N, C-alpha and C. Protein backbone atom coordinates (compact mmCIF):
# COMPACT_ATOMS: atom_id res chain seq x y z
N MET A 1 -44.45 115.56 81.80
CA MET A 1 -45.77 115.09 82.12
C MET A 1 -46.65 116.30 82.41
N ARG A 2 -47.84 116.30 81.82
CA ARG A 2 -48.82 117.37 82.01
C ARG A 2 -49.92 116.86 82.94
N ILE A 3 -50.16 117.59 84.03
CA ILE A 3 -51.10 117.12 85.05
C ILE A 3 -52.08 118.23 85.42
N VAL A 4 -53.37 117.90 85.34
CA VAL A 4 -54.42 118.83 85.78
C VAL A 4 -54.52 118.72 87.30
N LEU A 5 -54.44 119.87 87.96
CA LEU A 5 -54.57 119.93 89.41
C LEU A 5 -56.02 120.27 89.75
N ASP A 6 -56.68 119.37 90.43
CA ASP A 6 -58.06 119.57 90.86
C ASP A 6 -58.08 120.63 91.97
N THR A 7 -59.22 121.24 92.17
CA THR A 7 -59.36 122.27 93.20
C THR A 7 -58.90 121.79 94.57
N CYS A 8 -59.22 120.55 94.90
CA CYS A 8 -58.93 120.03 96.24
C CYS A 8 -57.44 119.88 96.53
N VAL A 9 -56.59 119.96 95.51
CA VAL A 9 -55.15 119.93 95.76
C VAL A 9 -54.52 121.32 95.63
N LEU A 10 -55.29 122.27 95.10
CA LEU A 10 -54.81 123.65 95.02
C LEU A 10 -55.16 124.45 96.26
N TYR A 11 -56.30 124.17 96.84
CA TYR A 11 -56.79 124.99 97.93
C TYR A 11 -55.99 124.84 99.22
N PRO A 12 -55.65 123.67 99.68
CA PRO A 12 -54.81 123.65 100.89
C PRO A 12 -53.42 124.21 100.55
N THR A 13 -53.02 125.23 101.26
CA THR A 13 -51.79 125.96 100.93
C THR A 13 -50.55 125.08 100.91
N VAL A 14 -50.35 124.28 101.94
CA VAL A 14 -49.12 123.47 102.01
C VAL A 14 -49.07 122.47 100.86
N MET A 15 -50.18 121.82 100.57
CA MET A 15 -50.21 120.86 99.46
C MET A 15 -49.92 121.57 98.14
N ARG A 16 -50.57 122.69 97.92
CA ARG A 16 -50.35 123.45 96.68
C ARG A 16 -48.89 123.87 96.55
N GLU A 17 -48.31 124.37 97.62
CA GLU A 17 -46.92 124.83 97.56
C GLU A 17 -45.96 123.67 97.33
N MET A 18 -46.25 122.51 97.90
CA MET A 18 -45.40 121.34 97.63
C MET A 18 -45.51 120.93 96.16
N LEU A 19 -46.74 120.89 95.64
CA LEU A 19 -46.91 120.48 94.25
C LEU A 19 -46.27 121.47 93.28
N LEU A 20 -46.51 122.74 93.51
CA LEU A 20 -45.95 123.73 92.60
C LEU A 20 -44.43 123.84 92.75
N GLY A 21 -43.94 123.57 93.94
CA GLY A 21 -42.49 123.51 94.12
C GLY A 21 -41.89 122.38 93.30
N ALA A 22 -42.56 121.23 93.29
CA ALA A 22 -42.10 120.10 92.46
C ALA A 22 -42.20 120.45 90.99
N ALA A 23 -43.27 121.13 90.60
CA ALA A 23 -43.41 121.56 89.20
C ALA A 23 -42.30 122.54 88.85
N GLY A 24 -41.97 123.41 89.78
CA GLY A 24 -40.90 124.38 89.55
C GLY A 24 -39.54 123.72 89.34
N LEU A 25 -39.38 122.53 89.88
CA LEU A 25 -38.15 121.76 89.67
C LEU A 25 -38.16 121.04 88.32
N GLY A 26 -39.28 121.14 87.60
CA GLY A 26 -39.39 120.51 86.29
C GLY A 26 -39.93 119.10 86.30
N HIS A 27 -40.50 118.67 87.42
CA HIS A 27 -41.00 117.30 87.50
C HIS A 27 -42.31 117.09 86.73
N PHE A 28 -43.08 118.16 86.52
CA PHE A 28 -44.30 118.07 85.73
C PHE A 28 -44.75 119.49 85.37
N ALA A 29 -45.66 119.55 84.40
CA ALA A 29 -46.27 120.83 84.02
C ALA A 29 -47.67 120.88 84.59
N PRO A 30 -47.96 121.83 85.49
CA PRO A 30 -49.30 121.91 86.07
C PRO A 30 -50.29 122.55 85.10
N LEU A 31 -51.52 122.08 85.16
CA LEU A 31 -52.61 122.62 84.34
C LEU A 31 -53.84 122.81 85.22
N TRP A 32 -54.66 123.80 84.86
CA TRP A 32 -55.94 124.03 85.53
C TRP A 32 -56.79 124.89 84.60
N SER A 33 -58.00 125.15 85.02
CA SER A 33 -58.90 126.02 84.26
C SER A 33 -59.33 127.17 85.15
N GLY A 34 -59.92 128.17 84.53
CA GLY A 34 -60.48 129.26 85.31
C GLY A 34 -61.56 128.78 86.26
N ARG A 35 -62.32 127.79 85.84
CA ARG A 35 -63.38 127.25 86.71
C ARG A 35 -62.78 126.56 87.93
N ILE A 36 -61.69 125.83 87.76
CA ILE A 36 -61.03 125.19 88.91
C ILE A 36 -60.56 126.26 89.89
N LEU A 37 -59.96 127.33 89.39
CA LEU A 37 -59.50 128.40 90.26
C LEU A 37 -60.67 129.11 90.94
N GLU A 38 -61.77 129.27 90.22
CA GLU A 38 -62.96 129.91 90.81
C GLU A 38 -63.55 129.03 91.92
N GLU A 39 -63.51 127.72 91.74
CA GLU A 39 -63.97 126.81 92.81
C GLU A 39 -63.13 127.01 94.07
N TRP A 40 -61.83 127.20 93.91
CA TRP A 40 -60.94 127.46 95.03
C TRP A 40 -61.37 128.74 95.75
N ALA A 41 -61.59 129.81 95.00
CA ALA A 41 -62.00 131.08 95.61
C ALA A 41 -63.34 130.94 96.34
N ARG A 42 -64.27 130.22 95.74
CA ARG A 42 -65.58 130.03 96.38
C ARG A 42 -65.47 129.17 97.63
N ALA A 43 -64.60 128.19 97.61
CA ALA A 43 -64.40 127.35 98.80
C ALA A 43 -63.80 128.17 99.94
N ALA A 44 -62.95 129.12 99.62
CA ALA A 44 -62.30 129.95 100.65
C ALA A 44 -63.28 130.90 101.33
N VAL A 45 -64.45 131.11 100.73
CA VAL A 45 -65.47 131.97 101.34
C VAL A 45 -65.86 131.43 102.72
N ARG A 46 -65.77 130.12 102.89
CA ARG A 46 -66.11 129.52 104.20
C ARG A 46 -65.24 130.07 105.32
N LEU A 47 -64.07 130.60 104.97
CA LEU A 47 -63.20 131.20 105.98
C LEU A 47 -63.59 132.65 106.27
N GLY A 48 -64.57 133.17 105.54
CA GLY A 48 -65.00 134.55 105.70
C GLY A 48 -64.50 135.40 104.56
N PRO A 49 -64.88 136.69 104.57
CA PRO A 49 -64.49 137.58 103.47
C PRO A 49 -62.97 137.65 103.28
N ALA A 50 -62.23 137.60 104.35
CA ALA A 50 -60.77 137.65 104.23
C ALA A 50 -60.24 136.39 103.54
N GLY A 51 -60.88 135.26 103.76
CA GLY A 51 -60.46 134.02 103.12
C GLY A 51 -60.60 134.08 101.62
N GLU A 52 -61.71 134.61 101.16
CA GLU A 52 -61.90 134.74 99.71
C GLU A 52 -60.90 135.74 99.12
N ALA A 53 -60.70 136.86 99.79
CA ALA A 53 -59.75 137.86 99.31
C ALA A 53 -58.34 137.28 99.23
N GLN A 54 -57.96 136.52 100.23
CA GLN A 54 -56.65 135.87 100.24
C GLN A 54 -56.53 134.88 99.09
N ALA A 55 -57.59 134.09 98.88
CA ALA A 55 -57.58 133.11 97.78
C ALA A 55 -57.44 133.82 96.44
N ARG A 56 -58.17 134.90 96.25
CA ARG A 56 -58.10 135.61 94.97
C ARG A 56 -56.71 136.21 94.75
N ALA A 57 -56.09 136.69 95.82
CA ALA A 57 -54.72 137.21 95.70
C ALA A 57 -53.76 136.08 95.34
N GLU A 58 -53.91 134.92 95.99
CA GLU A 58 -53.04 133.78 95.69
C GLU A 58 -53.27 133.29 94.26
N ILE A 59 -54.52 133.33 93.80
CA ILE A 59 -54.83 132.92 92.43
C ILE A 59 -54.16 133.87 91.43
N ALA A 60 -54.18 135.16 91.72
CA ALA A 60 -53.52 136.13 90.84
C ALA A 60 -52.02 135.84 90.76
N LEU A 61 -51.41 135.53 91.90
CA LEU A 61 -49.98 135.19 91.91
C LEU A 61 -49.72 133.90 91.14
N LEU A 62 -50.61 132.95 91.31
CA LEU A 62 -50.49 131.67 90.60
C LEU A 62 -50.54 131.88 89.10
N ARG A 63 -51.49 132.67 88.66
CA ARG A 63 -51.62 132.95 87.23
C ARG A 63 -50.38 133.65 86.69
N ALA A 64 -49.82 134.56 87.46
CA ALA A 64 -48.61 135.27 87.02
C ALA A 64 -47.41 134.34 86.96
N ALA A 65 -47.30 133.45 87.93
CA ALA A 65 -46.15 132.54 87.99
C ALA A 65 -46.24 131.41 86.95
N TRP A 66 -47.46 131.02 86.60
CA TRP A 66 -47.67 129.90 85.68
C TRP A 66 -48.60 130.32 84.54
N PRO A 67 -48.20 131.25 83.69
CA PRO A 67 -49.10 131.78 82.67
C PRO A 67 -49.59 130.77 81.64
N ARG A 68 -48.87 129.69 81.45
CA ARG A 68 -49.28 128.68 80.46
C ARG A 68 -50.11 127.56 81.07
N ALA A 69 -50.32 127.60 82.37
CA ALA A 69 -51.01 126.50 83.05
C ALA A 69 -52.52 126.55 82.88
N GLU A 70 -53.07 127.75 82.73
CA GLU A 70 -54.52 127.87 82.67
C GLU A 70 -55.03 127.59 81.26
N LEU A 71 -55.92 126.63 81.17
CA LEU A 71 -56.50 126.23 79.89
C LEU A 71 -57.91 126.79 79.76
N PRO A 72 -58.35 127.08 78.55
CA PRO A 72 -59.71 127.60 78.36
C PRO A 72 -60.74 126.50 78.63
N PRO A 73 -62.00 126.90 78.81
CA PRO A 73 -63.07 125.90 78.99
C PRO A 73 -63.08 124.95 77.79
N ALA A 74 -63.54 123.75 78.04
CA ALA A 74 -63.55 122.72 76.99
C ALA A 74 -64.97 122.16 76.82
N PRO A 75 -65.91 122.97 76.27
CA PRO A 75 -67.30 122.50 76.17
C PRO A 75 -67.48 121.32 75.23
N GLY A 76 -66.68 121.21 74.18
CA GLY A 76 -66.81 120.08 73.26
C GLY A 76 -66.60 118.75 73.96
N PRO A 77 -65.41 118.55 74.57
CA PRO A 77 -65.19 117.29 75.29
C PRO A 77 -66.15 117.12 76.47
N GLU A 78 -66.49 118.21 77.15
CA GLU A 78 -67.36 118.10 78.33
C GLU A 78 -68.70 117.47 77.99
N ALA A 79 -69.23 117.75 76.81
CA ALA A 79 -70.54 117.25 76.43
C ALA A 79 -70.57 115.73 76.24
N ARG A 80 -69.43 115.12 75.96
CA ARG A 80 -69.42 113.68 75.68
C ARG A 80 -68.83 112.84 76.82
N LEU A 81 -68.46 113.47 77.93
CA LEU A 81 -67.79 112.76 79.01
C LEU A 81 -68.75 112.41 80.14
N TRP A 82 -68.35 111.42 80.94
CA TRP A 82 -69.16 111.02 82.09
C TRP A 82 -68.26 110.78 83.29
N LEU A 83 -68.73 111.23 84.45
CA LEU A 83 -68.13 110.91 85.74
C LEU A 83 -69.26 110.73 86.75
N PRO A 84 -69.01 110.04 87.85
CA PRO A 84 -70.08 109.85 88.85
C PRO A 84 -70.66 111.16 89.36
N ASP A 85 -69.84 112.19 89.50
CA ASP A 85 -70.32 113.50 89.92
C ASP A 85 -70.24 114.43 88.72
N PRO A 86 -71.40 114.78 88.14
CA PRO A 86 -71.40 115.65 86.95
C PRO A 86 -70.68 116.98 87.17
N ALA A 87 -70.59 117.42 88.42
CA ALA A 87 -69.91 118.69 88.72
C ALA A 87 -68.40 118.60 88.49
N ASP A 88 -67.87 117.41 88.32
CA ASP A 88 -66.43 117.23 88.09
C ASP A 88 -66.07 117.00 86.63
N ILE A 89 -67.06 116.91 85.77
CA ILE A 89 -66.78 116.64 84.36
C ILE A 89 -65.91 117.73 83.75
N HIS A 90 -66.05 118.96 84.21
CA HIS A 90 -65.24 120.04 83.65
C HIS A 90 -63.74 119.79 83.87
N VAL A 91 -63.38 119.14 84.98
CA VAL A 91 -61.97 118.83 85.25
C VAL A 91 -61.46 117.81 84.23
N LEU A 92 -62.26 116.78 84.00
CA LEU A 92 -61.90 115.77 83.00
C LEU A 92 -61.83 116.40 81.60
N ALA A 93 -62.76 117.28 81.29
CA ALA A 93 -62.78 117.92 79.98
C ALA A 93 -61.52 118.76 79.75
N VAL A 94 -61.08 119.46 80.77
CA VAL A 94 -59.86 120.26 80.66
C VAL A 94 -58.65 119.32 80.44
N ALA A 95 -58.64 118.21 81.15
CA ALA A 95 -57.54 117.25 80.99
C ALA A 95 -57.51 116.69 79.57
N VAL A 96 -58.66 116.36 79.04
CA VAL A 96 -58.73 115.82 77.67
C VAL A 96 -58.32 116.89 76.66
N ALA A 97 -58.90 118.07 76.78
CA ALA A 97 -58.61 119.15 75.84
C ALA A 97 -57.15 119.61 75.92
N GLY A 98 -56.55 119.51 77.11
CA GLY A 98 -55.18 119.94 77.31
C GLY A 98 -54.15 118.85 77.10
N SER A 99 -54.59 117.70 76.60
CA SER A 99 -53.69 116.55 76.37
C SER A 99 -52.88 116.23 77.62
N ALA A 100 -53.54 116.25 78.77
CA ALA A 100 -52.88 115.92 80.03
C ALA A 100 -52.60 114.43 80.11
N ASP A 101 -51.67 114.09 80.97
CA ASP A 101 -51.35 112.69 81.24
C ASP A 101 -52.12 112.17 82.44
N ALA A 102 -52.51 113.09 83.34
CA ALA A 102 -53.14 112.66 84.59
C ALA A 102 -53.93 113.80 85.21
N ILE A 103 -54.78 113.41 86.16
CA ILE A 103 -55.48 114.36 87.02
C ILE A 103 -55.01 114.08 88.44
N LEU A 104 -54.59 115.11 89.13
CA LEU A 104 -54.13 115.00 90.51
C LEU A 104 -55.27 115.45 91.41
N THR A 105 -55.79 114.54 92.23
CA THR A 105 -56.96 114.83 93.05
C THR A 105 -56.96 113.99 94.31
N LEU A 106 -57.70 114.46 95.30
CA LEU A 106 -57.96 113.68 96.50
C LEU A 106 -59.27 112.92 96.38
N ASN A 107 -60.05 113.21 95.36
CA ASN A 107 -61.39 112.65 95.19
C ASN A 107 -61.36 111.40 94.31
N ALA A 108 -60.85 110.32 94.86
CA ALA A 108 -60.73 109.08 94.08
C ALA A 108 -62.08 108.59 93.57
N SER A 109 -63.12 108.65 94.41
CA SER A 109 -64.42 108.11 94.00
C SER A 109 -65.06 108.92 92.88
N ASP A 110 -64.71 110.20 92.76
CA ASP A 110 -65.28 111.04 91.71
C ASP A 110 -64.54 110.92 90.38
N PHE A 111 -63.37 110.29 90.41
CA PHE A 111 -62.56 110.13 89.20
C PHE A 111 -62.14 108.67 89.07
N PRO A 112 -63.08 107.79 88.71
CA PRO A 112 -62.75 106.35 88.59
C PRO A 112 -61.64 106.12 87.56
N ARG A 113 -60.71 105.28 87.94
CA ARG A 113 -59.57 104.99 87.06
C ARG A 113 -60.02 104.50 85.68
N ARG A 114 -61.06 103.69 85.66
CA ARG A 114 -61.54 103.14 84.39
C ARG A 114 -62.03 104.24 83.45
N GLU A 115 -62.79 105.18 83.99
CA GLU A 115 -63.29 106.29 83.17
C GLU A 115 -62.13 107.14 82.65
N LEU A 116 -61.15 107.37 83.51
CA LEU A 116 -59.99 108.17 83.09
C LEU A 116 -59.16 107.42 82.05
N ALA A 117 -58.99 106.12 82.25
CA ALA A 117 -58.20 105.32 81.31
C ALA A 117 -58.81 105.36 79.91
N GLU A 118 -60.13 105.42 79.83
CA GLU A 118 -60.78 105.50 78.52
C GLU A 118 -60.39 106.78 77.78
N GLN A 119 -59.94 107.77 78.52
CA GLN A 119 -59.51 109.03 77.92
C GLN A 119 -57.98 109.14 77.88
N GLY A 120 -57.30 108.04 78.22
CA GLY A 120 -55.85 108.04 78.20
C GLY A 120 -55.23 108.78 79.38
N LEU A 121 -55.97 108.85 80.48
CA LEU A 121 -55.52 109.59 81.66
C LEU A 121 -55.35 108.66 82.86
N ARG A 122 -54.51 109.11 83.78
CA ARG A 122 -54.36 108.43 85.06
C ARG A 122 -54.86 109.35 86.16
N ARG A 123 -55.26 108.77 87.27
CA ARG A 123 -55.59 109.53 88.47
C ARG A 123 -54.44 109.38 89.44
N LEU A 124 -53.95 110.49 89.95
CA LEU A 124 -52.86 110.47 90.92
C LEU A 124 -53.32 111.12 92.21
N ASP A 125 -52.87 110.57 93.34
CA ASP A 125 -53.12 111.22 94.62
C ASP A 125 -51.87 112.00 94.99
N PRO A 126 -52.03 113.17 95.62
CA PRO A 126 -50.87 114.03 95.87
C PRO A 126 -49.81 113.40 96.76
N ASP A 127 -50.20 112.64 97.78
CA ASP A 127 -49.21 112.06 98.67
C ASP A 127 -48.36 111.02 97.95
N GLY A 128 -49.00 110.12 97.23
CA GLY A 128 -48.25 109.12 96.48
C GLY A 128 -47.40 109.74 95.38
N PHE A 129 -47.95 110.72 94.70
CA PHE A 129 -47.23 111.39 93.62
C PHE A 129 -45.98 112.09 94.15
N LEU A 130 -46.14 112.88 95.21
CA LEU A 130 -45.00 113.60 95.76
C LEU A 130 -43.97 112.64 96.37
N THR A 131 -44.44 111.56 96.97
CA THR A 131 -43.51 110.58 97.54
C THR A 131 -42.71 109.92 96.42
N ASP A 132 -43.35 109.62 95.30
CA ASP A 132 -42.62 109.07 94.15
C ASP A 132 -41.59 110.07 93.62
N LEU A 133 -41.98 111.34 93.58
CA LEU A 133 -41.02 112.36 93.13
C LEU A 133 -39.85 112.45 94.10
N TRP A 134 -40.14 112.32 95.40
CA TRP A 134 -39.06 112.34 96.41
C TRP A 134 -38.09 111.19 96.18
N ARG A 135 -38.61 110.01 95.83
CA ARG A 135 -37.73 108.86 95.56
C ARG A 135 -36.78 109.16 94.39
N ASP A 136 -37.29 109.88 93.39
CA ASP A 136 -36.47 110.23 92.22
C ASP A 136 -35.55 111.41 92.48
N ASP A 137 -35.96 112.32 93.35
CA ASP A 137 -35.21 113.55 93.59
C ASP A 137 -35.31 113.94 95.07
N PRO A 138 -34.70 113.15 95.96
CA PRO A 138 -34.86 113.42 97.39
C PRO A 138 -34.37 114.80 97.81
N SER A 139 -33.26 115.25 97.28
CA SER A 139 -32.76 116.56 97.71
C SER A 139 -33.64 117.69 97.20
N GLY A 140 -34.13 117.57 95.99
CA GLY A 140 -35.00 118.62 95.43
C GLY A 140 -36.31 118.73 96.19
N ILE A 141 -36.97 117.60 96.42
CA ILE A 141 -38.26 117.62 97.12
C ILE A 141 -38.06 118.01 98.58
N ALA A 142 -36.97 117.58 99.20
CA ALA A 142 -36.68 117.99 100.58
C ALA A 142 -36.46 119.50 100.65
N ALA A 143 -35.82 120.06 99.64
CA ALA A 143 -35.60 121.51 99.61
C ALA A 143 -36.94 122.25 99.48
N VAL A 144 -37.84 121.72 98.66
CA VAL A 144 -39.17 122.32 98.54
C VAL A 144 -39.88 122.26 99.90
N ALA A 145 -39.81 121.11 100.56
CA ALA A 145 -40.44 120.97 101.88
C ALA A 145 -39.84 121.96 102.87
N GLY A 146 -38.55 122.18 102.80
CA GLY A 146 -37.90 123.15 103.69
C GLY A 146 -38.41 124.56 103.45
N ARG A 147 -38.58 124.93 102.16
CA ARG A 147 -39.11 126.27 101.85
C ARG A 147 -40.56 126.41 102.31
N VAL A 148 -41.34 125.35 102.12
CA VAL A 148 -42.75 125.38 102.55
C VAL A 148 -42.82 125.50 104.07
N LEU A 149 -41.95 124.80 104.78
CA LEU A 149 -41.91 124.88 106.24
C LEU A 149 -41.58 126.30 106.69
N LEU A 150 -40.56 126.91 106.09
CA LEU A 150 -40.20 128.29 106.45
C LEU A 150 -41.36 129.25 106.21
N GLN A 151 -42.02 129.08 105.08
CA GLN A 151 -43.15 129.95 104.76
C GLN A 151 -44.30 129.73 105.74
N ALA A 152 -44.59 128.47 106.08
CA ALA A 152 -45.67 128.17 107.01
C ALA A 152 -45.39 128.78 108.38
N ASN A 153 -44.16 128.67 108.84
CA ASN A 153 -43.80 129.25 110.14
C ASN A 153 -43.88 130.77 110.11
N ARG A 154 -43.45 131.36 109.01
CA ARG A 154 -43.50 132.82 108.89
C ARG A 154 -44.94 133.32 108.86
N LEU A 155 -45.78 132.67 108.06
CA LEU A 155 -47.16 133.13 107.92
C LEU A 155 -48.03 132.84 109.13
N SER A 156 -47.77 131.72 109.79
CA SER A 156 -48.62 131.33 110.92
C SER A 156 -48.10 131.85 112.26
N GLY A 157 -46.83 132.23 112.30
CA GLY A 157 -46.24 132.62 113.58
C GLY A 157 -46.03 131.44 114.50
N SER A 158 -46.16 130.24 113.97
CA SER A 158 -45.99 129.02 114.75
C SER A 158 -44.59 128.46 114.55
N ARG A 159 -44.33 127.37 115.25
CA ARG A 159 -43.05 126.68 115.14
C ARG A 159 -43.30 125.26 114.64
N TRP A 160 -43.78 125.14 113.42
CA TRP A 160 -44.03 123.83 112.83
C TRP A 160 -42.72 123.08 112.61
N GLN A 161 -42.83 121.77 112.60
CA GLN A 161 -41.77 120.89 112.14
C GLN A 161 -42.27 120.26 110.83
N THR A 162 -41.37 119.80 110.00
CA THR A 162 -41.75 119.30 108.68
C THR A 162 -42.77 118.17 108.75
N ARG A 163 -42.49 117.16 109.55
CA ARG A 163 -43.37 115.98 109.56
C ARG A 163 -44.80 116.33 109.98
N PRO A 164 -45.03 117.02 111.09
CA PRO A 164 -46.42 117.35 111.44
C PRO A 164 -47.10 118.27 110.42
N LEU A 165 -46.33 119.18 109.84
CA LEU A 165 -46.91 120.08 108.85
C LEU A 165 -47.39 119.31 107.62
N LEU A 166 -46.56 118.42 107.11
CA LEU A 166 -46.95 117.65 105.93
C LEU A 166 -48.06 116.66 106.26
N LYS A 167 -48.04 116.08 107.45
CA LYS A 167 -49.12 115.17 107.84
C LYS A 167 -50.45 115.92 107.92
N LYS A 168 -50.42 117.11 108.48
CA LYS A 168 -51.64 117.92 108.58
C LYS A 168 -52.15 118.28 107.18
N ALA A 169 -51.24 118.42 106.24
CA ALA A 169 -51.60 118.75 104.86
C ALA A 169 -52.02 117.52 104.05
N ARG A 170 -52.26 116.41 104.71
CA ARG A 170 -52.70 115.16 104.07
C ARG A 170 -51.62 114.56 103.17
N LEU A 171 -50.36 114.72 103.61
CA LEU A 171 -49.22 114.15 102.90
C LEU A 171 -48.40 113.28 103.86
N PRO A 172 -49.02 112.26 104.48
CA PRO A 172 -48.32 111.49 105.52
C PRO A 172 -47.13 110.67 105.02
N ARG A 173 -47.24 110.07 103.83
CA ARG A 173 -46.11 109.28 103.33
C ARG A 173 -44.93 110.17 102.96
N LEU A 174 -45.24 111.32 102.38
CA LEU A 174 -44.18 112.27 102.08
C LEU A 174 -43.55 112.78 103.36
N ALA A 175 -44.37 113.05 104.38
CA ALA A 175 -43.87 113.53 105.66
C ALA A 175 -42.85 112.54 106.23
N LYS A 176 -43.20 111.26 106.19
CA LYS A 176 -42.31 110.23 106.70
C LYS A 176 -41.03 110.15 105.88
N ALA A 177 -41.18 110.22 104.57
CA ALA A 177 -40.01 110.12 103.68
C ALA A 177 -39.05 111.29 103.89
N VAL A 178 -39.58 112.49 103.88
CA VAL A 178 -38.74 113.68 103.98
C VAL A 178 -38.11 113.81 105.37
N SER A 179 -38.84 113.36 106.40
CA SER A 179 -38.35 113.48 107.78
C SER A 179 -37.52 112.29 108.21
N GLY A 180 -37.63 111.19 107.45
CA GLY A 180 -36.99 109.94 107.82
C GLY A 180 -35.55 110.02 107.94
């Protein structure tokens, strides 16, 4: 399955690491565009200059780890597509041009299922998607969660537990499943 990852699921670190960990297990092929990655870097500016620098470093690592994931701009499809927020049409255009199966996003209202279905796409939310993957591969997804937890504790200097960390990352159903 080929899935376009919207900026809003790439930018939060824990969510991104969970999704890419699942992709690393072979559950799906992640896709994005340079514009999606640039939106991530611009959003990180709100954290200050260090936030943008960190985002750009993470983007460079992402590109190195997933060299086939980045798709070129898709101006042809973009010109004929419609979404409630015109600023999101580029995400849909990349999905269409990249023959994706779905768009993974937190922005349900900006990606109406009907509009996506007309293009042969589904909209997936990260919590439901990861929870479904956990049902199919509980040990694999639990192992990803364990690695994400270790990394979060190392980087933050905190003593997170899996359930609160995943809940804070807007993955409450996955948190319950993995911690259950």
